[in-house]
Amino acid sequence: LPIPAVIAGCGGDDSSSEDPQTVLDETFNND
């Protein structure tokens, strides 16, 4: 992510472990 939010770890199904609030914030503040 190019804005201040970092996801720890790579590989595997990272999407299913992302913090839901972070996903929501980045989705509705996306341009």
PDB file of all heavy atoms in Angstrom:
ATOM      1  N   LEU A   1       0.831  -1.206   0.000  1.00  0.00           N
ATOM      2  CA  LEU A   1       0.000   0.000   0.000  1.00  0.00           C
ATOM      3  C   LEU A   1       0.861   1.249   0.000  1.00  0.00           C
ATOM      4  O   LEU A   1       1.746   1.405   0.827  1.00  0.00           O
ATOM      5  CB  LEU A   1      -0.901  -0.002   1.241  1.00  0.00           C
ATOM      6  CG  LEU A   1      -1.746  -1.265   1.379  1.00  0.00           C
ATOM      7  CD1 LEU A   1      -2.504  -1.231   2.677  1.00  0.00           C
ATOM      8  CD2 LEU A   1      -2.693  -1.380   0.215  1.00  0.00           C
ATOM      9  N   PRO A   2       0.587   2.217  -0.918  1.00  0.00           N
ATOM     10  CA  PRO A   2       1.360   3.449  -0.990  1.00  0.00           C
ATOM     11  C   PRO A   2       0.946   4.481   0.036  1.00  0.00           C
ATOM     12  O   PRO A   2       1.473   5.574   0.053  1.00  0.00           O
ATOM     13  CB  PRO A   2       1.072   3.959  -2.402  1.00  0.00           C
ATOM     14  CG  PRO A   2      -0.285   3.438  -2.707  1.00  0.00           C
ATOM     15  CD  PRO A   2      -0.389   2.123  -1.996  1.00  0.00           C
ATOM     16  N   ILE A   3      -0.053   4.193   0.868  1.00  0.00           N
ATOM     17  CA  ILE A   3      -0.417   5.096   1.949  1.00  0.00           C
ATOM     18  C   ILE A   3      -0.097   4.394   3.251  1.00  0.00           C
ATOM     19  O   ILE A   3       0.132   3.179   3.278  1.00  0.00           O
ATOM     20  CB  ILE A   3      -1.907   5.467   1.868  1.00  0.00           C
ATOM     21  CG1 ILE A   3      -2.779   4.211   1.940  1.00  0.00           C
ATOM     22  CG2 ILE A   3      -2.208   6.216   0.606  1.00  0.00           C
ATOM     23  CD1 ILE A   3      -4.260   4.514   1.950  1.00  0.00           C
ATOM     24  N   PRO A   4      -0.080   5.114   4.391  1.00  0.00           N
ATOM     25  CA  PRO A   4       0.368   4.531   5.652  1.00  0.00           C
ATOM     26  C   PRO A   4      -0.492   3.377   6.134  1.00  0.00           C
ATOM     27  O   PRO A   4      -1.342   3.534   6.983  1.00  0.00           O
ATOM     28  CB  PRO A   4       0.294   5.722   6.620  1.00  0.00           C
ATOM     29  CG  PRO A   4       0.374   6.915   5.773  1.00  0.00           C
ATOM     30  CD  PRO A   4      -0.304   6.553   4.502  1.00  0.00           C
ATOM     31  N   ALA A   5      -0.249   2.221   5.573  1.00  0.00           N
ATOM     32  CA  ALA A   5      -0.883   1.002   6.048  1.00  0.00           C
ATOM     33  C   ALA A   5      -0.020  -0.136   5.568  1.00  0.00           C
ATOM     34  O   ALA A   5       0.312  -0.231   4.407  1.00  0.00           O
ATOM     35  CB  ALA A   5      -2.295   0.870   5.501  1.00  0.00           C
ATOM     36  N   VAL A   6       0.410  -1.007   6.459  1.00  0.00           N
ATOM     37  CA  VAL A   6       1.320  -2.080   6.106  1.00  0.00           C
ATOM     38  C   VAL A   6       0.722  -3.396   6.525  1.00  0.00           C
ATOM     39  O   VAL A   6       0.191  -3.536   7.622  1.00  0.00           O
ATOM     40  CB  VAL A   6       2.692  -1.895   6.803  1.00  0.00           C
ATOM     41  CG1 VAL A   6       3.608  -3.052   6.449  1.00  0.00           C
ATOM     42  CG2 VAL A   6       3.311  -0.573   6.396  1.00  0.00           C
ATOM     43  N   ILE A   7       0.797  -4.355   5.634  1.00  0.00           N
ATOM     44  CA  ILE A   7       0.304  -5.688   5.938  1.00  0.00           C
ATOM     45  C   ILE A   7       1.504  -6.589   6.180  1.00  0.00           C
ATOM     46  O   ILE A   7       2.401  -6.689   5.349  1.00  0.00           O
ATOM     47  CB  ILE A   7      -0.527  -6.233   4.771  1.00  0.00           C
ATOM     48  CG1 ILE A   7      -1.687  -5.273   4.487  1.00  0.00           C
ATOM     49  CG2 ILE A   7      -1.029  -7.627   5.044  1.00  0.00           C
ATOM     50  CD1 ILE A   7      -2.463  -5.640   3.255  1.00  0.00           C
ATOM     51  N   ALA A   8       1.514  -7.263   7.284  1.00  0.00           N
ATOM     52  CA  ALA A   8       2.636  -8.120   7.634  1.00  0.00           C
ATOM     53  C   ALA A   8       2.513  -9.455   6.920  1.00  0.00           C
ATOM     54  O   ALA A   8       1.447 -10.054   6.869  1.00  0.00           O
ATOM     55  CB  ALA A   8       2.677  -8.352   9.138  1.00  0.00           C
ATOM     56  N   GLY A   9       3.635  -9.921   6.362  1.00  0.00           N
ATOM     57  CA  GLY A   9       3.676 -11.256   5.786  1.00  0.00           C
ATOM     58  C   GLY A   9       3.297 -11.283   4.329  1.00  0.00           C
ATOM     59  O   GLY A   9       2.526 -10.489   3.852  1.00  0.00           O
ATOM     60  N   CYS A  10       3.894 -12.245   3.606  1.00  0.00           N
ATOM     61  CA  CYS A  10       3.568 -12.457   2.207  1.00  0.00           C
ATOM     62  C   CYS A  10       3.368 -13.940   1.983  1.00  0.00           C
ATOM     63  O   CYS A  10       3.810 -14.761   2.760  1.00  0.00           O
ATOM     64  CB  CYS A  10       4.684 -11.949   1.300  1.00  0.00           C
ATOM     65  SG  CYS A  10       4.838 -10.150   1.273  1.00  0.00           S
ATOM     66  N   GLY A  11       2.688 -14.262   0.867  1.00  0.00           N
ATOM     67  CA  GLY A  11       2.440 -15.662   0.591  1.00  0.00           C
ATOM     68  C   GLY A  11       1.193 -16.124   1.290  1.00  0.00           C
ATOM     69  O   GLY A  11       0.733 -15.548   2.262  1.00  0.00           O
ATOM     70  N   GLY A  12       0.611 -17.178   0.773  1.00  0.00           N
ATOM     71  CA  GLY A  12      -0.604 -17.692   1.375  1.00  0.00           C
ATOM     72  C   GLY A  12      -1.782 -16.801   1.038  1.00  0.00           C
ATOM     73  O   GLY A  12      -1.710 -15.916   0.199  1.00  0.00           O
ATOM     74  N   ASP A  13      -2.906 -17.025   1.730  1.00  0.00           N
ATOM     75  CA  ASP A  13      -4.121 -16.251   1.472  1.00  0.00           C
ATOM     76  C   ASP A  13      -4.143 -15.036   2.374  1.00  0.00           C
ATOM     77  O   ASP A  13      -4.883 -14.971   3.334  1.00  0.00           O
ATOM     78  CB  ASP A  13      -5.348 -17.146   1.707  1.00  0.00           C
ATOM     79  CG  ASP A  13      -6.624 -16.449   1.246  1.00  0.00           C
ATOM     80  OD1 ASP A  13      -6.531 -15.399   0.598  1.00  0.00           O
ATOM     81  OD2 ASP A  13      -7.706 -16.976   1.548  1.00  0.00           O
ATOM     82  N   ASP A  14      -3.303 -14.025   2.054  1.00  0.00           N
ATOM     83  CA  ASP A  14      -3.200 -12.841   2.903  1.00  0.00           C
ATOM     84  C   ASP A  14      -4.486 -12.031   2.898  1.00  0.00           C
ATOM     85  O   ASP A  14      -4.800 -11.351   3.876  1.00  0.00           O
ATOM     86  CB  ASP A  14      -2.032 -11.968   2.446  1.00  0.00           C
ATOM     87  CG  ASP A  14      -0.684 -12.606   2.757  1.00  0.00           C
ATOM     88  OD1 ASP A  14      -0.617 -13.463   3.658  1.00  0.00           O
ATOM     89  OD2 ASP A  14       0.282 -12.253   2.087  1.00  0.00           O
ATOM     90  N   SER A  15      -5.227 -12.056   1.796  1.00  0.00           N
ATOM     91  CA  SER A  15      -6.438 -11.256   1.702  1.00  0.00           C
ATOM     92  C   SER A  15      -7.431 -11.612   2.794  1.00  0.00           C
ATOM     93  O   SER A  15      -8.101 -10.740   3.348  1.00  0.00           O
ATOM     94  CB  SER A  15      -7.087 -11.441   0.323  1.00  0.00           C
ATOM     95  OG  SER A  15      -6.247 -10.956  -0.704  1.00  0.00           O
ATOM     96  N   SER A  16      -7.540 -12.901   3.109  1.00  0.00           N
ATOM     97  CA  SER A  16      -8.508 -13.330   4.100  1.00  0.00           C
ATOM     98  C   SER A  16      -8.101 -12.962   5.516  1.00  0.00           C
ATOM     99  O   SER A  16      -8.919 -13.029   6.434  1.00  0.00           O
ATOM    100  CB  SER A  16      -8.726 -14.847   4.011  1.00  0.00           C
ATOM    101  OG  SER A  16      -7.514 -15.537   4.284  1.00  0.00           O
ATOM    102  N   SER A  17      -6.833 -12.547   5.704  1.00  0.00           N
ATOM    103  CA  SER A  17      -6.375 -12.179   7.043  1.00  0.00           C
ATOM    104  C   SER A  17      -6.201 -10.675   7.212  1.00  0.00           C
ATOM    105  O   SER A  17      -5.810 -10.217   8.284  1.00  0.00           O
ATOM    106  CB  SER A  17      -5.048 -12.886   7.343  1.00  0.00           C
ATOM    107  OG  SER A  17      -4.045 -12.463   6.434  1.00  0.00           O
ATOM    108  N   GLU A  18      -6.494  -9.893   6.168  1.00  0.00           N
ATOM    109  CA  GLU A  18      -6.364  -8.446   6.281  1.00  0.00           C
ATOM    110  C   GLU A  18      -7.374  -7.892   7.280  1.00  0.00           C
ATOM    111  O   GLU A  18      -8.497  -8.392   7.411  1.00  0.00           O
ATOM    112  CB  GLU A  18      -6.589  -7.784   4.922  1.00  0.00           C
ATOM    113  CG  GLU A  18      -5.465  -7.993   3.935  1.00  0.00           C
ATOM    114  CD  GLU A  18      -5.617  -7.118   2.714  1.00  0.00           C
ATOM    115  OE1 GLU A  18      -5.689  -5.880   2.886  1.00  0.00           O
ATOM    116  OE2 GLU A  18      -5.680  -7.657   1.604  1.00  0.00           O
ATOM    117  N   ASP A  19      -6.965  -6.834   7.960  1.00  0.00           N
ATOM    118  CA  ASP A  19      -7.850  -6.189   8.921  1.00  0.00           C
ATOM    119  C   ASP A  19      -9.042  -5.597   8.181  1.00  0.00           C
ATOM    120  O   ASP A  19      -8.868  -4.803   7.238  1.00  0.00           O
ATOM    121  CB  ASP A  19      -7.093  -5.086   9.660  1.00  0.00           C
ATOM    122  CG  ASP A  19      -8.000  -4.292  10.578  1.00  0.00           C
ATOM    123  OD1 ASP A  19      -8.567  -4.884  11.501  1.00  0.00           O
ATOM    124  OD2 ASP A  19      -8.155  -3.077  10.324  1.00  0.00           O
ATOM    125  N   PRO A  20     -10.275  -5.951   8.563  1.00  0.00           N
ATOM    126  CA  PRO A  20     -11.446  -5.471   7.813  1.00  0.00           C
ATOM    127  C   PRO A  20     -11.603  -3.959   7.818  1.00  0.00           C
ATOM    128  O   PRO A  20     -12.045  -3.377   6.828  1.00  0.00           O
ATOM    129  CB  PRO A  20     -12.621  -6.178   8.510  1.00  0.00           C
ATOM    130  CG  PRO A  20     -12.114  -6.563   9.860  1.00  0.00           C
ATOM    131  CD  PRO A  20     -10.660  -6.849   9.660  1.00  0.00           C
ATOM    132  N   GLN A  21     -11.253  -3.299   8.931  1.00  0.00           N
ATOM    133  CA  GLN A  21     -11.374  -1.846   8.976  1.00  0.00           C
ATOM    134  C   GLN A  21     -10.392  -1.190   8.016  1.00  0.00           C
ATOM    135  O   GLN A  21     -10.715  -0.204   7.348  1.00  0.00           O
ATOM    136  CB  GLN A  21     -11.126  -1.338  10.401  1.00  0.00           C
ATOM    137  CG  GLN A  21     -11.341   0.167  10.576  1.00  0.00           C
ATOM    138  CD  GLN A  21     -12.785   0.577  10.329  1.00  0.00           C
ATOM    139  OE1 GLN A  21     -13.689   0.119  11.032  1.00  0.00           O
ATOM    140  NE2 GLN A  21     -13.019   1.434   9.337  1.00  0.00           N
ATOM    141  N   THR A  22      -9.172  -1.753   7.922  1.00  0.00           N
ATOM    142  CA  THR A  22      -8.181  -1.218   6.988  1.00  0.00           C
ATOM    143  C   THR A  22      -8.659  -1.362   5.553  1.00  0.00           C
ATOM    144  O   THR A  22      -8.543  -0.432   4.742  1.00  0.00           O
ATOM    145  CB  THR A  22      -6.838  -1.949   7.161  1.00  0.00           C
ATOM    146  OG1 THR A  22      -6.355  -1.748   8.490  1.00  0.00           O
ATOM    147  CG2 THR A  22      -5.807  -1.428   6.176  1.00  0.00           C
ATOM    148  N   VAL A  23      -9.204  -2.532   5.222  1.00  0.00           N
ATOM    149  CA  VAL A  23      -9.721  -2.749   3.870  1.00  0.00           C
ATOM    150  C   VAL A  23     -10.827  -1.760   3.564  1.00  0.00           C
ATOM    151  O   VAL A  23     -10.871  -1.160   2.482  1.00  0.00           O
ATOM    152  CB  VAL A  23     -10.233  -4.197   3.711  1.00  0.00           C
ATOM    153  CG1 VAL A  23     -10.916  -4.371   2.351  1.00  0.00           C
ATOM    154  CG2 VAL A  23      -9.097  -5.194   3.860  1.00  0.00           C
ATOM    155  N   LEU A  24     -11.707  -1.558   4.533  1.00  0.00           N
ATOM    156  CA  LEU A  24     -12.825  -0.643   4.325  1.00  0.00           C
ATOM    157  C   LEU A  24     -12.337   0.790   4.142  1.00  0.00           C
ATOM    158  O   LEU A  24     -12.795   1.514   3.247  1.00  0.00           O
ATOM    159  CB  LEU A  24     -13.776  -0.726   5.516  1.00  0.00           C
ATOM    160  CG  LEU A  24     -15.214  -0.270   5.278  1.00  0.00           C
ATOM    161  CD1 LEU A  24     -15.902  -1.198   4.288  1.00  0.00           C
ATOM    162  CD2 LEU A  24     -15.979  -0.242   6.594  1.00  0.00           C
ATOM    163  N   ASP A  25     -11.404   1.232   4.991  1.00  0.00           N
ATOM    164  CA  ASP A  25     -10.870   2.585   4.888  1.00  0.00           C
ATOM    165  C   ASP A  25     -10.239   2.823   3.519  1.00  0.00           C
ATOM    166  O   ASP A  25     -10.466   3.863   2.880  1.00  0.00           O
ATOM    167  CB  ASP A  25      -9.824   2.830   5.985  1.00  0.00           C
ATOM    168  CG  ASP A  25     -10.433   2.894   7.367  1.00  0.00           C
ATOM    169  OD1 ASP A  25     -11.670   3.014   7.455  1.00  0.00           O
ATOM    170  OD2 ASP A  25      -9.681   2.807   8.356  1.00  0.00           O
ATOM    171  N   GLU A  26      -9.432   1.871   3.063  1.00  0.00           N
ATOM    172  CA  GLU A  26      -8.724   2.042   1.798  1.00  0.00           C
ATOM    173  C   GLU A  26      -9.675   1.956   0.608  1.00  0.00           C
ATOM    174  O   GLU A  26      -9.446   2.592  -0.427  1.00  0.00           O
ATOM    175  CB  GLU A  26      -7.604   1.009   1.693  1.00  0.00           C
ATOM    176  CG  GLU A  26      -6.502   1.288   2.706  1.00  0.00           C
ATOM    177  CD  GLU A  26      -5.590   0.093   2.934  1.00  0.00           C
ATOM    178  OE1 GLU A  26      -5.806  -0.944   2.272  1.00  0.00           O
ATOM    179  OE2 GLU A  26      -4.687   0.210   3.769  1.00  0.00           O
ATOM    180  N   THR A  27     -10.748   1.199   0.758  1.00  0.00           N
ATOM    181  CA  THR A  27     -11.722   1.072  -0.322  1.00  0.00           C
ATOM    182  C   THR A  27     -12.490   2.374  -0.525  1.00  0.00           C
ATOM    183  O   THR A  27     -12.652   2.844  -1.655  1.00  0.00           O
ATOM    184  CB  THR A  27     -12.712  -0.074  -0.026  1.00  0.00           C
ATOM    185  OG1 THR A  27     -11.995  -1.302   0.068  1.00  0.00           O
ATOM    186  CG2 THR A  27     -13.765  -0.184  -1.110  1.00  0.00           C
ATOM    187  N   PHE A  28     -12.952   2.979   0.573  1.00  0.00           N
ATOM    188  CA  PHE A  28     -13.781   4.176   0.456  1.00  0.00           C
ATOM    189  C   PHE A  28     -12.967   5.467   0.427  1.00  0.00           C
ATOM    190  O   PHE A  28     -13.544   6.557   0.344  1.00  0.00           O
ATOM    191  CB  PHE A  28     -14.808   4.212   1.582  1.00  0.00           C
ATOM    192  CG  PHE A  28     -15.907   3.206   1.394  1.00  0.00           C
ATOM    193  CD1 PHE A  28     -15.914   2.021   2.110  1.00  0.00           C
ATOM    194  CD2 PHE A  28     -16.916   3.422   0.475  1.00  0.00           C
ATOM    195  CE1 PHE A  28     -16.913   1.080   1.927  1.00  0.00           C
ATOM    196  CE2 PHE A  28     -17.921   2.498   0.285  1.00  0.00           C
ATOM    197  CZ  PHE A  28     -17.917   1.314   1.008  1.00  0.00           C
ATOM    198  N   ASN A  29     -11.647   5.360   0.497  1.00  0.00           N
ATOM    199  CA  ASN A  29     -10.802   6.539   0.349  1.00  0.00           C
ATOM    200  C   ASN A  29      -9.852   6.360  -0.829  1.00  0.00           C
ATOM    201  O   ASN A  29      -8.760   6.921  -0.863  1.00  0.00           O
ATOM    202  CB  ASN A  29     -10.002   6.788   1.631  1.00  0.00           C
ATOM    203  CG  ASN A  29     -10.866   7.300   2.757  1.00  0.00           C
ATOM    204  OD1 ASN A  29     -11.278   8.453   2.768  1.00  0.00           O
ATOM    205  ND2 ASN A  29     -11.193   6.434   3.704  1.00  0.00           N
ATOM    206  N   ASN A  30     -10.295   5.592  -1.784  1.00  0.00           N
ATOM    207  CA  ASN A  30      -9.512   5.267  -2.957  1.00  0.00           C
ATOM    208  C   ASN A  30      -9.895   6.226  -4.078  1.00  0.00           C
ATOM    209  O   ASN A  30     -11.050   6.617  -4.168  1.00  0.00           O
ATOM    210  CB  ASN A  30      -9.854   3.827  -3.358  1.00  0.00           C
ATOM    211  CG  ASN A  30      -8.701   3.143  -4.020  1.00  0.00           C
ATOM    212  OD1 ASN A  30      -8.131   3.701  -4.924  1.00  0.00           O
ATOM    213  ND2 ASN A  30      -8.397   1.948  -3.576  1.00  0.00           N
ATOM    214  N   ASP A  31      -8.969   6.608  -4.937  1.00  0.00           N
ATOM    215  CA  ASP A  31      -9.311   7.587  -5.972  1.00  0.00           C
ATOM    216  C   ASP A  31      -9.073   7.086  -7.391  1.00  0.00           C
ATOM    217  O   ASP A  31      -8.903   7.868  -8.309  1.00  0.00           O
ATOM    218  CB  ASP A  31      -8.574   8.913  -5.752  1.00  0.00           C
ATOM    219  CG  ASP A  31      -7.066   8.769  -5.847  1.00  0.00           C
ATOM    220  OD1 ASP A  31      -6.587   7.653  -6.125  1.00  0.00           O
ATOM    221  OD2 ASP A  31      -6.359   9.770  -5.640  1.00  0.00           O
TER     222      ASP A  31
END
